[in-house]
Amino acid sequence: MTTATLDTAPRHPRKPFHKRLYGQVLLAIVVGVLVGRFFPDIGVVMKPLGDVFIKLIRMMIAPIVFVTVVTGIAKMSSMRDVGRIGLKALIYFEVVSTLALIVGLVVGNIVRPGDGLNVDPQSLNASLVSSYVGSGEKLHFVDFIMKMVPETFVSALTSGDVLQVLLVSVVFGLVLVRTGRSDGAIVRMLDEVAEALFGVIEVIMYFAPLGAFGAMAFTIGKYGIGSLQQLGLLMLCFYATCALFIFGVLGAIARLSGFSLWRLLVYIRREIVLVLGTSTSESALPSLMTKLENLGVSKSVVGLVVPTGYSFNLDGIAIYLTMAALFIAQAMNIPLPLEQQLALLAVLLLTSKGAAAVTGAGFVTLAATLSSTHTLPVAGLALLLGIDRFMSEARAITNMIGNAVACMTVARWENAIDRERMAAVLAGREVDDLPAAADSALPPPVAAPAATQLAGRAG
């Protein structure tokens, strides 16, 4: 692995806040809130600005994931490396997402944000959530597996389904590894294509402030500040729980993996602000992968772990699912004994894995869970309609941070991270522009702690 040379030259003068992208996005969010609050009709009309920006980003995700995963796998020394890294990543995802579900369950039982609402189930308009229930009923395990397989190779890249893109990318990459063409013309071409695609993303990012402004102006204009006050305890409880999970669970994992979570958050602050403005973690996927590579993480690990995490490591959605289910039960005065909560938790462990495959992931997945368990009335989802949009920011930010920590942790287990470069970048020191890590062959892996030990120490 190549160790980057630290640059001892004087640092460039820092740009003023308003000239930095994350500063512009923050200002755009504030302006969007003001427009939506005082000129709601105008705010609603601004919706296309946010929609177009998100569509531009999503347009690039499938090809970027494809070339990144394929080249990352192709540059591994053997198929055994691919299987080892993939298995460690999946074990990590399962352990940490389970912890997220448990954290949401514990906080929901302690704070009990739904107590005192005394909602009559008959008074709720079930038709408001009928479309979500319809989508949720399709999220059975067999349908989920069938959905992973695209109709054609090309349709995987045009459908926008990350799971389908991952499937064809992994198969394509494994074939290149098996045939020993890790440095062949195909891989070199895909490397050049990847460079061009990230260049396009850089251009698109100039429109991020407009996208954040449009999305926030529409949200406030459509639902109003009053929606923030209605059911405010649930929102406050959910945001606090996400913060507890990030700084508690993920913070402990980061310490065990040898890096500071706080410095990582400062390093990816632009991506956090972007997700805050657009309410989707997809908007930050390309730039997050670039930053992790710049941090010293092997391109192979980044290309395999991050896109997979966006489908299987959704910590924010996991917290939301348990807290929302408990809120509905408490608001309707429906007793939910511990054994029923554990049964609900077991179902959520499965349904949460399909969340990335649908629009409005958290809401639809909750509908699927309630429909399949019959523990709570699905009509109770109507209680969350007004504020679900305001909780999506916390879900998306938690998902993104969780995947950044996951990638660095797996890289640490694999000894596939340049620690000197990581320390320099996280400390804010200048480094050169050489590639973060050599990918011709991964070094021998270091022993990763068992999943049960990680869960116990992180908790």
Protein backbone atom coordinates (compact mmCIF):
# COMPACT_ATOMS: atom_id res chain seq x y z
CA MET A 1 0.00 0.00 0.00
CA THR A 2 1.33 3.37 -0.99
CA THR A 3 1.69 5.89 1.80
CA ALA A 4 0.86 9.42 0.71
CA THR A 5 3.42 12.15 1.21
CA LEU A 6 2.41 14.87 3.59
CA ASP A 7 2.58 18.36 2.17
CA THR A 8 4.47 20.74 4.45
CA ALA A 9 3.87 23.80 2.26
CA PRO A 10 1.77 26.61 3.69
CA ARG A 11 -1.93 25.96 3.48
CA HIS A 12 -4.08 27.88 1.03
CA PRO A 13 -6.20 30.66 2.55
CA ARG A 14 -9.57 29.31 3.62
CA LYS A 15 -12.52 30.36 1.49
CA PRO A 16 -15.16 32.56 3.12
CA PHE A 17 -18.14 30.64 4.45
CA HIS A 18 -20.51 31.88 1.72
CA LYS A 19 -18.14 30.70 -1.02
CA ARG A 20 -17.95 27.14 0.27
CA LEU A 21 -20.52 24.70 -1.12
CA TYR A 22 -21.77 23.52 2.27
CA GLY A 23 -22.10 27.16 3.36
CA GLN A 24 -24.15 27.96 0.27
CA VAL A 25 -26.36 24.91 0.88
CA LEU A 26 -26.92 25.95 4.52
CA LEU A 27 -27.87 29.46 3.46
CA ALA A 28 -30.19 28.02 0.81
CA ILE A 29 -31.90 25.85 3.46
CA VAL A 30 -32.48 28.90 5.68
CA VAL A 31 -33.88 30.92 2.77
CA GLY A 32 -36.07 27.96 1.79
CA VAL A 33 -37.52 27.74 5.30
CA LEU A 34 -38.28 31.48 5.30
CA VAL A 35 -39.92 31.38 1.87
CA GLY A 36 -42.00 28.35 2.82
CA ARG A 37 -43.04 29.96 6.09
CA PHE A 38 -44.01 33.41 4.86
CA PHE A 39 -44.82 32.69 1.19
CA PRO A 40 -46.17 29.11 1.25
CA ASP A 41 -47.70 29.30 -2.23
CA ILE A 42 -44.34 30.27 -3.70
CA GLY A 43 -42.62 27.59 -1.62
CA VAL A 44 -44.85 24.86 -3.05
CA VAL A 45 -44.05 26.04 -6.58
CA MET A 46 -40.31 25.63 -5.84
CA LYS A 47 -40.67 21.84 -5.62
CA PRO A 48 -39.27 21.17 -9.14
CA LEU A 49 -35.91 22.69 -8.13
CA GLY A 50 -35.38 20.00 -5.52
CA ASP A 51 -36.82 17.25 -7.71
CA VAL A 52 -34.61 18.08 -10.69
CA PHE A 53 -31.44 18.17 -8.59
CA ILE A 54 -32.20 14.79 -7.00
CA LYS A 55 -33.01 13.33 -10.42
CA LEU A 56 -29.67 14.60 -11.74
CA ILE A 57 -27.85 12.87 -8.88
CA ARG A 58 -29.85 9.66 -9.23
CA MET A 59 -29.14 9.70 -12.96
CA MET A 60 -25.45 9.24 -12.14
CA ILE A 61 -25.69 6.72 -9.28
CA ALA A 62 -26.19 3.54 -11.34
CA PRO A 63 -23.20 4.08 -13.69
CA ILE A 64 -20.98 5.29 -10.83
CA VAL A 65 -21.83 2.29 -8.66
CA PHE A 66 -21.26 -0.03 -11.62
CA VAL A 67 -17.81 1.23 -12.61
CA THR A 68 -16.70 1.63 -8.99
CA VAL A 69 -17.76 -1.85 -7.87
CA VAL A 70 -16.45 -3.54 -11.02
CA THR A 71 -13.02 -1.88 -10.90
CA GLY A 72 -12.80 -2.31 -7.13
CA ILE A 73 -13.48 -6.05 -7.34
CA ALA A 74 -11.34 -6.52 -10.48
CA LYS A 75 -8.29 -5.06 -8.72
CA MET A 76 -8.48 -7.53 -5.84
CA SER A 77 -5.96 -10.33 -5.94
CA SER A 78 -8.47 -13.17 -5.79
CA MET A 79 -12.14 -14.06 -5.47
CA ARG A 80 -11.36 -15.06 -1.90
CA ASP A 81 -10.64 -11.39 -1.09
CA VAL A 82 -14.01 -10.38 -2.53
CA GLY A 83 -15.85 -13.01 -0.49
CA ARG A 84 -13.97 -12.17 2.71
CA ILE A 85 -14.63 -8.43 2.49
CA GLY A 86 -18.25 -8.96 1.45
CA LEU A 87 -18.89 -11.37 4.33
CA LYS A 88 -17.33 -9.05 6.90
CA ALA A 89 -19.37 -6.15 5.56
CA LEU A 90 -22.64 -8.10 5.72
CA ILE A 91 -21.93 -9.29 9.28
CA TYR A 92 -21.18 -5.71 10.29
CA PHE A 93 -24.38 -4.46 8.62
CA GLU A 94 -26.52 -7.05 10.38
CA VAL A 95 -25.03 -6.41 13.83
CA VAL A 96 -25.17 -2.62 13.65
CA SER A 97 -28.63 -2.38 12.08
CA THR A 98 -29.89 -4.73 14.81
CA LEU A 99 -28.37 -2.39 17.39
CA ALA A 100 -30.18 0.52 15.70
CA LEU A 101 -33.51 -1.31 15.96
CA ILE A 102 -32.87 -2.10 19.64
CA VAL A 103 -31.89 1.50 20.42
CA GLY A 104 -35.14 2.74 18.85
CA LEU A 105 -37.12 0.15 20.81
CA VAL A 106 -35.50 1.04 24.14
CA VAL A 107 -35.88 4.81 23.74
CA GLY A 108 -39.47 4.45 22.54
CA ASN A 109 -40.35 2.44 25.64
CA ILE A 110 -38.62 4.87 28.00
CA VAL A 111 -39.83 8.20 26.57
CA ARG A 112 -43.21 6.92 25.28
CA PRO A 113 -43.87 9.85 22.90
CA GLY A 114 -47.36 8.61 21.97
CA ASP A 115 -48.80 8.60 25.48
CA GLY A 116 -51.69 10.99 26.05
CA LEU A 117 -52.84 11.33 22.44
CA ASN A 118 -55.70 8.81 22.98
CA VAL A 119 -56.42 8.43 19.27
CA ASP A 120 -59.53 6.50 18.24
CA PRO A 121 -58.54 4.11 15.39
CA GLN A 122 -61.99 4.60 13.84
CA SER A 123 -61.36 8.33 13.48
CA LEU A 124 -58.35 7.86 11.20
CA ASN A 125 -58.69 8.10 7.43
CA ALA A 126 -57.19 4.85 6.18
CA SER A 127 -57.42 6.02 2.56
CA LEU A 128 -54.58 8.48 3.22
CA VAL A 129 -52.11 5.62 3.53
CA SER A 130 -53.66 3.17 1.07
CA SER A 131 -50.99 3.77 -1.57
CA TYR A 132 -48.21 3.07 0.97
CA VAL A 133 -49.96 -0.10 2.11
CA GLY A 134 -50.26 -1.23 -1.51
CA SER A 135 -46.53 -0.74 -2.01
CA GLY A 136 -45.73 -2.36 1.31
CA GLU A 137 -47.71 -5.50 0.55
CA LYS A 138 -45.31 -6.17 -2.33
CA LEU A 139 -42.28 -6.29 -0.06
CA HIS A 140 -42.32 -10.01 0.62
CA PHE A 141 -39.04 -11.91 0.78
CA VAL A 142 -39.53 -13.78 -2.51
CA ASP A 143 -40.54 -10.57 -4.30
CA PHE A 144 -37.49 -8.86 -2.82
CA ILE A 145 -35.19 -11.58 -4.22
CA MET A 146 -36.92 -11.51 -7.61
CA LYS A 147 -36.59 -7.73 -7.74
CA MET A 148 -32.82 -8.04 -7.35
CA VAL A 149 -32.56 -9.80 -10.73
CA PRO A 150 -32.92 -7.36 -13.66
CA GLU A 151 -34.74 -8.18 -16.88
CA THR A 152 -31.61 -7.47 -18.88
CA PHE A 153 -28.05 -6.41 -18.18
CA VAL A 154 -28.76 -2.90 -19.49
CA SER A 155 -32.05 -2.54 -17.59
CA ALA A 156 -30.10 -2.87 -14.33
CA LEU A 157 -28.33 0.38 -15.20
CA THR A 158 -31.47 2.17 -16.38
CA SER A 159 -33.92 1.11 -13.65
CA GLY A 160 -32.16 3.02 -10.88
CA ASP A 161 -32.41 0.02 -8.54
CA VAL A 162 -29.13 -0.12 -6.62
CA LEU A 163 -29.59 -3.80 -5.74
CA GLN A 164 -29.81 -4.74 -9.42
CA VAL A 165 -26.77 -2.63 -10.23
CA LEU A 166 -24.85 -4.32 -7.41
CA LEU A 167 -25.76 -7.78 -8.67
CA VAL A 168 -24.53 -7.24 -12.25
CA SER A 169 -21.49 -5.30 -11.01
CA VAL A 170 -20.37 -8.04 -8.62
CA VAL A 171 -20.83 -10.75 -11.27
CA PHE A 172 -18.96 -8.69 -13.88
CA GLY A 173 -16.16 -7.89 -11.45
CA LEU A 174 -15.81 -11.53 -10.34
CA VAL A 175 -15.44 -12.63 -13.96
CA LEU A 176 -12.59 -10.13 -14.43
CA VAL A 177 -10.89 -11.43 -11.26
CA ARG A 178 -11.29 -15.04 -12.38
CA THR A 179 -9.83 -14.36 -15.82
CA GLY A 180 -6.92 -12.39 -14.36
CA ARG A 181 -7.69 -9.20 -16.27
CA SER A 182 -7.36 -6.82 -13.35
CA ASP A 183 -5.06 -4.57 -15.39
CA GLY A 184 -6.61 -5.20 -18.79
CA ALA A 185 -8.15 -2.81 -21.28
CA ILE A 186 -11.65 -3.16 -19.80
CA VAL A 187 -10.56 -2.09 -16.32
CA ARG A 188 -8.46 0.79 -17.66
CA MET A 189 -11.41 1.97 -19.73
CA LEU A 190 -13.77 1.79 -16.74
CA ASP A 191 -11.25 3.77 -14.67
CA GLU A 192 -11.35 6.54 -17.27
CA VAL A 193 -15.15 6.36 -17.43
CA ALA A 194 -15.28 6.67 -13.61
CA GLU A 195 -13.09 9.77 -13.75
CA ALA A 196 -15.46 11.32 -16.29
CA LEU A 197 -18.56 10.39 -14.27
CA PHE A 198 -17.19 11.99 -11.12
CA GLY A 199 -16.42 15.07 -13.21
CA VAL A 200 -20.09 15.22 -14.16
CA ILE A 201 -21.05 14.92 -10.48
CA GLU A 202 -18.74 17.85 -9.70
CA VAL A 203 -20.64 19.95 -12.23
CA ILE A 204 -24.03 18.85 -10.88
CA MET A 205 -22.98 19.80 -7.35
CA TYR A 206 -22.89 23.47 -8.35
CA PHE A 207 -26.69 23.26 -8.38
CA ALA A 208 -26.90 21.79 -4.86
CA PRO A 209 -27.93 25.11 -3.23
CA LEU A 210 -30.84 25.47 -5.67
CA GLY A 211 -31.91 21.89 -4.99
CA ALA A 212 -31.75 22.34 -1.22
CA PHE A 213 -33.68 25.62 -1.45
CA GLY A 214 -36.44 24.07 -3.57
CA ALA A 215 -36.82 20.99 -1.39
CA MET A 216 -36.97 22.93 1.88
CA ALA A 217 -39.26 25.68 0.55
CA PHE A 218 -41.71 23.05 -0.70
CA THR A 219 -41.66 21.07 2.55
CA ILE A 220 -42.38 24.08 4.77
CA GLY A 221 -44.82 25.61 2.27
CA LYS A 222 -46.74 22.35 1.83
CA TYR A 223 -46.88 21.09 5.42
CA GLY A 224 -46.30 24.31 7.35
CA ILE A 225 -44.35 25.09 10.49
CA GLY A 226 -47.38 23.83 12.40
CA SER A 227 -46.52 20.32 11.27
CA LEU A 228 -43.30 20.67 13.22
CA GLN A 229 -45.23 21.48 16.38
CA GLN A 230 -47.86 18.77 15.91
CA LEU A 231 -46.51 15.50 17.29
CA GLY A 232 -43.33 17.40 18.12
CA LEU A 233 -42.32 15.07 20.95
CA LEU A 234 -41.95 12.16 18.53
CA MET A 235 -39.78 14.27 16.22
CA LEU A 236 -37.62 15.50 19.08
CA CYS A 237 -37.31 11.99 20.46
CA PHE A 238 -36.38 10.59 17.04
CA TYR A 239 -33.71 13.23 16.35
CA ALA A 240 -32.27 12.73 19.83
CA THR A 241 -32.21 8.95 19.36
CA CYS A 242 -30.39 9.30 16.02
CA ALA A 243 -27.83 11.54 17.74
CA LEU A 244 -27.49 9.01 20.58
CA PHE A 245 -26.90 6.22 18.07
CA ILE A 246 -24.37 8.24 16.05
CA PHE A 247 -22.29 9.47 18.97
CA GLY A 248 -22.85 6.43 21.18
CA VAL A 249 -22.85 3.30 19.03
CA LEU A 250 -21.04 4.60 15.94
CA GLY A 251 -18.69 6.65 18.12
CA ALA A 252 -17.69 3.51 20.04
CA ILE A 253 -17.17 1.58 16.81
CA ALA A 254 -15.01 4.42 15.47
CA ARG A 255 -12.85 4.40 18.61
CA LEU A 256 -12.41 0.63 18.37
CA SER A 257 -11.39 1.08 14.73
CA GLY A 258 -8.79 3.73 15.52
CA PHE A 259 -10.31 6.99 14.28
CA SER A 260 -12.27 9.91 15.66
CA LEU A 261 -15.95 10.01 14.72
CA TRP A 262 -16.10 13.75 15.34
CA ARG A 263 -13.22 14.44 12.96
CA LEU A 264 -14.87 12.21 10.37
CA LEU A 265 -18.10 14.20 10.70
CA VAL A 266 -16.19 17.46 10.21
CA TYR A 267 -14.48 15.95 7.17
CA ILE A 268 -17.80 14.96 5.52
CA ARG A 269 -19.71 18.05 6.68
CA ARG A 270 -20.49 19.06 3.10
CA GLU A 271 -22.19 15.73 2.47
CA ILE A 272 -24.13 16.00 5.76
CA VAL A 273 -25.43 19.45 4.84
CA LEU A 274 -26.33 18.26 1.34
CA VAL A 275 -28.33 15.34 2.74
CA LEU A 276 -30.00 17.72 5.20
CA GLY A 277 -31.17 19.90 2.33
CA THR A 278 -32.30 17.16 -0.03
CA SER A 279 -33.60 14.61 2.52
CA THR A 280 -31.96 11.71 0.69
CA SER A 281 -28.63 10.06 1.35
CA GLU A 282 -28.32 9.21 -2.35
CA SER A 283 -27.43 12.82 -3.12
CA ALA A 284 -24.14 12.40 -1.25
CA LEU A 285 -23.22 8.88 -2.41
CA PRO A 286 -20.75 9.82 -5.18
CA SER A 287 -18.91 12.50 -3.21
CA LEU A 288 -18.83 10.32 -0.07
CA MET A 289 -17.07 7.55 -2.01
CA THR A 290 -14.56 10.05 -3.37
CA LYS A 291 -13.83 11.44 0.09
CA LEU A 292 -13.35 8.00 1.63
CA GLU A 293 -10.81 7.13 -1.07
CA ASN A 294 -9.05 10.45 -0.43
CA LEU A 295 -9.00 9.53 3.25
CA GLY A 296 -6.80 6.55 2.45
CA VAL A 297 -9.36 3.75 2.19
CA SER A 298 -8.66 1.23 -0.57
CA LYS A 299 -10.76 1.84 -3.66
CA SER A 300 -11.69 -1.85 -3.63
CA VAL A 301 -13.19 -1.62 -0.15
CA VAL A 302 -14.99 1.66 -0.88
CA GLY A 303 -16.43 0.30 -4.11
CA LEU A 304 -17.77 -2.85 -2.47
CA VAL A 305 -18.84 -1.69 1.01
CA VAL A 306 -20.45 1.74 0.44
CA PRO A 307 -22.93 0.83 -2.35
CA THR A 308 -23.85 -2.39 -0.54
CA GLY A 309 -24.36 -0.43 2.68
CA TYR A 310 -26.84 1.85 0.93
CA SER A 311 -29.06 -1.21 0.52
CA PHE A 312 -28.32 -3.24 3.66
CA ASN A 313 -27.05 -0.79 6.30
CA LEU A 314 -29.88 1.69 6.85
CA ASP A 315 -29.44 2.59 10.51
CA GLY A 316 -31.64 5.69 10.41
CA ILE A 317 -34.55 3.77 8.90
CA ALA A 318 -34.07 0.99 11.47
CA ILE A 319 -34.42 3.47 14.35
CA TYR A 320 -37.44 5.08 12.69
CA LEU A 321 -39.25 1.77 12.20
CA THR A 322 -39.22 0.70 15.85
CA MET A 323 -39.96 4.15 17.25
CA ALA A 324 -42.81 4.78 14.79
CA ALA A 325 -44.41 1.40 15.54
CA LEU A 326 -44.25 2.03 19.29
CA PHE A 327 -45.63 5.56 18.81
CA ILE A 328 -48.68 4.23 16.96
CA ALA A 329 -49.33 1.65 19.69
CA GLN A 330 -48.98 4.24 22.48
CA ALA A 331 -51.10 6.86 20.69
CA MET A 332 -53.94 4.35 20.23
CA ASN A 333 -53.58 2.88 23.72
CA ILE A 334 -52.85 -0.57 22.28
CA PRO A 335 -50.84 -2.70 24.75
CA LEU A 336 -47.72 -4.15 23.17
CA PRO A 337 -46.11 -6.72 25.51
CA LEU A 338 -42.40 -7.42 25.33
CA GLU A 339 -42.89 -10.69 23.42
CA GLN A 340 -44.87 -8.87 20.72
CA GLN A 341 -42.23 -6.15 20.54
CA LEU A 342 -39.53 -8.80 20.07
CA ALA A 343 -41.61 -10.48 17.37
CA LEU A 344 -42.02 -7.11 15.66
CA LEU A 345 -38.26 -6.58 15.95
CA ALA A 346 -37.63 -9.94 14.24
CA VAL A 347 -39.87 -8.98 11.32
CA LEU A 348 -38.24 -5.56 11.04
CA LEU A 349 -34.82 -7.22 10.76
CA LEU A 350 -36.03 -8.66 7.45
CA THR A 351 -38.25 -5.91 6.07
CA SER A 352 -35.71 -3.15 6.76
CA LYS A 353 -33.28 -4.82 4.32
CA GLY A 354 -35.62 -4.10 1.43
CA ALA A 355 -36.12 -0.47 2.34
CA ALA A 356 -33.75 0.94 -0.27
CA ALA A 357 -35.71 -0.65 -3.10
CA VAL A 358 -38.74 1.62 -2.72
CA THR A 359 -39.55 5.31 -2.71
CA GLY A 360 -40.41 6.70 0.73
CA ALA A 361 -38.44 3.79 2.11
CA GLY A 362 -39.10 4.15 5.83
CA PHE A 363 -42.83 4.77 5.49
CA VAL A 364 -43.44 1.98 2.97
CA THR A 365 -41.36 -0.52 4.96
CA LEU A 366 -43.34 0.29 8.11
CA ALA A 367 -46.56 -0.26 6.13
CA ALA A 368 -45.24 -3.63 4.94
CA THR A 369 -44.38 -4.66 8.50
CA LEU A 370 -47.73 -3.67 10.00
CA SER A 371 -49.57 -5.36 7.11
CA SER A 372 -47.72 -8.64 7.60
CA THR A 373 -47.80 -8.82 11.41
CA HIS A 374 -51.35 -7.50 12.02
CA THR A 375 -50.09 -6.32 15.41
CA LEU A 376 -51.16 -2.71 14.90
CA PRO A 377 -53.77 -1.10 12.61
CA VAL A 378 -52.20 0.12 9.37
CA ALA A 379 -54.46 3.16 9.56
CA GLY A 380 -52.21 4.36 12.38
CA LEU A 381 -49.71 5.40 9.74
CA ALA A 382 -51.97 8.39 9.10
CA LEU A 383 -50.68 9.82 12.39
CA LEU A 384 -47.21 10.09 10.85
CA LEU A 385 -48.08 11.51 7.44
CA GLY A 386 -47.77 15.15 8.48
CA ILE A 387 -44.34 14.85 10.07
CA ASP A 388 -42.73 11.94 8.22
CA ARG A 389 -41.19 14.33 5.71
CA PHE A 390 -39.49 16.25 8.53
CA MET A 391 -37.98 13.08 9.98
CA SER A 392 -36.54 11.95 6.66
CA GLU A 393 -33.53 14.28 7.07
CA ALA A 394 -32.45 12.54 10.27
CA ARG A 395 -32.98 9.12 8.69
CA ALA A 396 -30.90 10.00 5.65
CA ILE A 397 -28.06 11.62 7.61
CA THR A 398 -27.86 8.65 10.00
CA ASN A 399 -27.82 6.23 7.05
CA MET A 400 -24.97 8.11 5.36
CA ILE A 401 -22.83 8.46 8.50
CA GLY A 402 -23.44 4.80 9.32
CA ASN A 403 -22.13 3.73 5.92
CA ALA A 404 -19.06 5.97 6.18
CA VAL A 405 -18.19 4.39 9.54
CA ALA A 406 -18.91 0.91 8.15
CA CYS A 407 -16.53 1.42 5.23
CA MET A 408 -13.70 2.66 7.45
CA THR A 409 -14.26 -0.15 9.96
CA VAL A 410 -14.17 -2.90 7.32
CA ALA A 411 -11.08 -1.24 5.79
CA ARG A 412 -9.45 -1.29 9.24
CA TRP A 413 -10.24 -5.00 9.62
CA GLU A 414 -8.71 -5.63 6.19
CA ASN A 415 -5.69 -3.39 6.86
CA ALA A 416 -6.75 -1.65 3.65
CA ILE A 417 -6.43 1.93 4.86
CA ASP A 418 -3.44 4.27 4.84
CA ARG A 419 -3.43 5.27 8.51
CA GLU A 420 -0.88 8.06 8.09
CA ARG A 421 -2.95 9.66 5.37
CA MET A 422 -6.17 9.16 7.36
CA ALA A 423 -4.67 10.86 10.42
CA ALA A 424 -3.38 13.76 8.32
CA VAL A 425 -6.64 14.34 6.43
CA LEU A 426 -8.86 14.06 9.52
CA ALA A 427 -6.55 16.47 11.35
CA GLY A 428 -7.05 18.98 8.54
CA ARG A 429 -3.45 18.88 7.29
CA GLU A 430 -2.66 19.20 3.60
CA VAL A 431 -1.71 16.02 1.72
CA ASP A 432 -0.70 15.48 -1.86
CA ASP A 433 -3.05 14.37 -4.59
CA LEU A 434 -1.62 10.90 -5.08
CA PRO A 435 -4.08 8.01 -4.99
CA ALA A 436 -5.11 7.17 -1.47
CA ALA A 437 -4.18 3.51 -1.67
CA ALA A 438 -2.75 0.99 -4.08
CA ASP A 439 -5.31 -1.55 -5.27
CA SER A 440 -3.22 -4.09 -7.07
CA ALA A 441 -3.44 -6.42 -4.12
CA LEU A 442 -4.90 -6.15 -0.67
CA PRO A 443 -2.50 -6.84 2.21
CA PRO A 444 -3.16 -9.72 4.58
CA PRO A 445 -6.24 -8.90 6.67
CA VAL A 446 -6.02 -8.14 10.35
CA ALA A 447 -8.23 -10.07 12.69
CA ALA A 448 -11.66 -8.48 13.00
CA PRO A 449 -13.47 -8.73 16.31
CA ALA A 450 -16.32 -11.18 16.33
CA ALA A 451 -19.75 -9.71 15.64
CA THR A 452 -20.96 -10.48 19.14
CA GLN A 453 -17.93 -8.80 20.71
CA LEU A 454 -18.42 -5.73 18.54
CA ALA A 455 -22.07 -5.50 19.49
CA GLY A 456 -21.32 -5.81 23.19
CA ARG A 457 -18.45 -3.30 23.24
CA ALA A 458 -20.22 -0.80 20.99
CA GLY A 459 -23.31 -0.84 23.20
